C-alpha cells in the first residue's frame, strides 16, 4: 500500500496571499472610485464612451487602459 500525496497546493490558507488579494481588490476599488469621479487617472489612458447619450456630462462608460490591463466603468444616469 502506497501513500499518494497531493502536492499541488498547501492544506492551509496562505495569509500573505490573502492579504495581497485584499490589497489588490482595494486598489482596484479606489482606482474605480477616483476614475468615476474625475474621469481621469494619472498614468492611465482614459477613453470616454458617449455612443448612446452623446453627452460628455453623462457618459455611458469610462475605459481606463494601462499596458495590458483594462478597467471599464459603466455609468447609469437617472
Protein backbone atom coordinates (compact mmCIF):
# COMPACT_ATOMS: atom_id res chain seq x y z
CA UNK A 1 0.00 0.00 0.00
CA UNK A 2 1.42 3.39 -1.01
CA UNK A 3 0.51 6.84 0.20
CA UNK A 4 -0.40 9.34 -2.50
CA UNK A 5 0.17 12.98 -1.60
CA UNK A 6 -1.48 15.99 -3.20
CA UNK A 7 1.46 18.33 -3.67
CA UNK A 8 -0.32 20.81 -5.95
CA UNK A 9 -1.50 23.05 -3.12
CA UNK A 10 -0.99 23.50 0.61
CA UNK A 11 -3.58 22.30 3.12
CA UNK A 12 -3.98 25.74 4.67
CA UNK A 13 -4.65 29.29 3.52
CA UNK A 14 -1.58 31.39 2.94
CA UNK A 15 -2.20 34.59 4.98
CA UNK A 16 0.23 36.60 2.83
CA UNK A 17 -1.61 35.60 -0.35
CA UNK A 18 -4.95 36.50 1.25
CA UNK A 19 -3.60 39.91 2.31
CA UNK A 20 -2.18 40.60 -1.15
CA UNK A 21 -5.57 39.76 -2.72
CA UNK A 22 -7.25 42.21 -0.34
CA UNK A 23 -4.71 44.92 -1.23
CA UNK A 24 -5.27 44.37 -4.97
CA UNK A 25 -9.05 44.46 -4.52
CA UNK A 26 -8.82 47.72 -2.54
CA UNK A 27 -6.50 49.27 -5.14
CA UNK A 28 -8.94 48.38 -7.94
CA UNK A 29 -11.86 49.74 -5.90
CA UNK A 30 -10.11 53.03 -5.14
CA UNK A 31 -8.99 53.42 -8.75
CA UNK A 32 -12.56 52.91 -9.99
CA UNK A 33 -13.92 55.42 -7.46
CA UNK A 34 -11.30 58.01 -8.42
CA UNK A 35 -11.83 57.49 -12.15
CA UNK A 36 -15.60 57.65 -11.91
CA UNK A 37 -15.38 60.94 -10.05
CA UNK A 38 -12.73 62.61 -12.19
CA UNK A 39 -12.84 60.56 -15.44
CA UNK A 40 -9.03 60.56 -15.46
CA UNK A 41 -6.33 58.63 -13.63
CA UNK A 42 -2.62 59.56 -13.77
CA UNK A 43 -0.66 57.11 -15.91
CA UNK A 44 -3.75 55.56 -17.47
CA UNK A 45 -5.15 56.11 -20.97
CA UNK A 46 -8.74 57.26 -20.49
CA UNK A 47 -11.47 56.82 -23.10
CA UNK A 48 -14.98 58.16 -22.56
CA UNK A 49 -17.84 56.32 -24.31
CA UNK A 50 -20.78 58.54 -25.31
CA UNK A 51 -22.23 56.26 -28.01
CA UNK A 52 -25.86 56.36 -26.79
CA UNK A 53 -26.06 59.58 -24.78
CA UNK A 54 -23.98 61.94 -26.95
CA UNK A 55 -23.04 63.93 -23.84
CA UNK A 56 -19.73 64.06 -22.01
CA UNK A 57 -21.62 65.34 -18.97
CA UNK A 58 -23.36 61.93 -18.68
CA UNK A 59 -21.09 59.35 -20.38
CA UNK A 60 -22.14 55.75 -20.96
CA UNK A 61 -18.82 54.36 -19.73
CA UNK A 62 -15.24 55.29 -18.90
CA UNK A 63 -12.48 52.91 -20.03
CA UNK A 64 -9.04 53.01 -18.41
CA UNK A 65 -6.14 51.15 -20.03
CA UNK A 66 -2.56 50.76 -18.93
CA UNK A 67 -0.43 48.22 -20.75
CA UNK A 68 -2.46 45.01 -20.99
CA UNK A 69 -4.76 45.93 -18.09
CA UNK A 70 -8.17 47.44 -18.79
CA UNK A 71 -10.89 48.68 -16.45
CA UNK A 72 -14.35 49.63 -17.72
CA UNK A 73 -16.64 51.71 -15.51
CA UNK A 74 -20.21 51.66 -16.79
CA UNK A 75 -22.33 54.54 -15.53
CA UNK A 76 -26.09 54.83 -15.23
CA UNK A 77 -27.98 58.10 -15.04
CA UNK A 78 -31.41 58.71 -13.55
